[in-house]
Each structure stands twice: as C-alpha cells, then as structure tokens.
Amino acid sequence: MGRMTTRREVMPLLPVIFGLGEQGAAAAIGISASKFRLLVNERRMPSPRRLDGRKIWDVDELRAAFKALLHEDDEEADSWGDLA
C-alpha cells in the first residue's frame, strides 16, 4: 500500500469525535482545565454528560458555547472603562 497524500484518501481514516474529557475540552477552546472548570461552574460553558462516572463534554455544545462568547471589541464586553 502506497503513501496516502490527498485529503480524499486521509479523511475516511480520521476519527469522528463526539465527546471530550475535561482536559481535551479545555484544550479545544484554548484555556487551562482550571479556567474551564470555573467557566462550567459559572454556566458560561456547558455541563458535562456522564458515562459510568466519567464526565464527557459534547463537542457541538462546546462549539456553540464558544461561539456565544463575546468578541473582544463587542460593546457589551467588560472593560476597565466600565469601572469608572
């Protein structure tokens, strides 16, 4: 079997990921696990599902929560000017 180089050849071999553990979920949105736990507790990130006692985050719910976060330049975003 030769080396696969095209996307069409490689894509069927990639796993489809539906859920992530805490470390993976945090990494997926670019933050530490401790910050991720804080955001989950604040309900800014989704709560996990449970499977035999293991916490698993749905990647679609993570994506939706991430997309709902404000952009840095949004008017509603917190800023030091709001404290004055």
Protein backbone atom coordinates (compact mmCIF):
# COMPACT_ATOMS: atom_id res chain seq x y z
CA MET A 1 0.00 0.00 0.00
CA GLY A 2 1.43 3.38 -1.03
CA ARG A 3 1.61 6.60 0.93
CA MET A 4 -1.70 8.48 1.20
CA THR A 5 -1.39 12.16 0.44
CA THR A 6 -4.74 13.54 -0.70
CA ARG A 7 -7.45 14.70 1.65
CA ARG A 8 -9.88 12.29 0.00
CA GLU A 9 -7.60 9.40 0.93
CA VAL A 10 -6.90 10.55 4.51
CA MET A 11 -10.31 11.84 5.70
CA PRO A 12 -12.02 8.42 5.99
CA LEU A 13 -9.28 7.34 8.41
CA LEU A 14 -9.69 10.24 10.85
CA PRO A 15 -11.81 9.57 13.95
CA VAL A 16 -15.09 11.38 14.45
CA ILE A 17 -15.03 12.87 17.94
CA PHE A 18 -18.31 13.42 19.75
CA GLY A 19 -17.08 13.94 23.30
CA LEU A 20 -14.03 15.16 25.18
CA GLY A 21 -12.77 14.80 28.73
CA GLU A 22 -12.11 17.92 30.77
CA GLN A 23 -8.51 18.35 29.62
CA GLY A 24 -9.46 17.90 25.97
CA ALA A 25 -12.46 20.21 26.24
CA ALA A 26 -10.34 22.93 27.82
CA ALA A 27 -7.61 22.48 25.20
CA ALA A 28 -10.20 22.57 22.41
CA ILE A 29 -11.13 26.14 23.33
CA GLY A 30 -7.60 27.18 24.23
CA ILE A 31 -7.73 27.51 28.02
CA SER A 32 -6.47 25.66 31.09
CA ALA A 33 -8.52 22.95 32.78
CA SER A 34 -8.88 25.09 35.92
CA LYS A 35 -10.25 28.04 33.92
CA PHE A 36 -12.56 25.65 32.07
CA ARG A 37 -13.93 24.30 35.40
CA LEU A 38 -14.58 27.89 36.50
CA LEU A 39 -16.50 28.65 33.29
CA VAL A 40 -18.55 25.45 33.68
CA ASN A 41 -19.38 26.43 37.29
CA GLU A 42 -20.40 29.90 36.05
CA ARG A 43 -22.53 28.21 33.35
CA ARG A 44 -20.57 30.02 30.62
CA MET A 45 -19.54 26.61 29.29
CA PRO A 46 -21.86 23.59 29.10
CA SER A 47 -22.07 20.99 31.81
CA PRO A 48 -20.72 17.54 31.01
CA ARG A 49 -22.62 14.37 30.26
CA ARG A 50 -21.93 11.29 32.40
CA LEU A 51 -20.89 7.84 31.28
CA ASP A 52 -20.12 5.37 34.07
CA GLY A 53 -18.98 8.20 36.33
CA ARG A 54 -16.82 9.85 33.69
CA LYS A 55 -17.50 13.45 32.66
CA ILE A 56 -17.69 13.97 28.89
CA TRP A 57 -18.32 17.26 27.10
CA ASP A 58 -20.28 17.24 23.83
CA VAL A 59 -18.12 18.90 21.14
CA ASP A 60 -21.16 20.52 19.48
CA GLU A 61 -22.24 22.08 22.79
CA LEU A 62 -18.69 23.29 23.39
CA ARG A 63 -18.59 24.85 19.94
CA ALA A 64 -21.94 26.59 20.49
CA ALA A 65 -20.86 27.96 23.90
CA PHE A 66 -17.56 29.17 22.44
CA LYS A 67 -19.35 30.88 19.54
CA ALA A 68 -21.67 32.61 22.05
CA LEU A 69 -18.74 34.28 23.83
CA LEU A 70 -18.39 37.99 23.11
CA HIS A 71 -15.67 39.21 20.81
CA GLU A 72 -13.01 41.42 22.36
CA ASP A 73 -14.34 44.55 20.63
CA ASP A 74 -18.06 43.98 21.38
CA GLU A 75 -19.71 46.91 23.16
CA GLU A 76 -21.08 44.64 25.89
CA ALA A 77 -17.64 43.23 26.73
CA ASP A 78 -16.13 44.10 30.08
CA SER A 79 -13.54 46.85 30.02
CA TRP A 80 -11.59 48.90 32.53
CA GLY A 81 -13.56 51.94 31.37
CA ASP A 82 -16.74 50.39 32.78
CA LEU A 83 -15.32 50.68 36.31
CA ALA A 84 -15.09 54.47 36.27
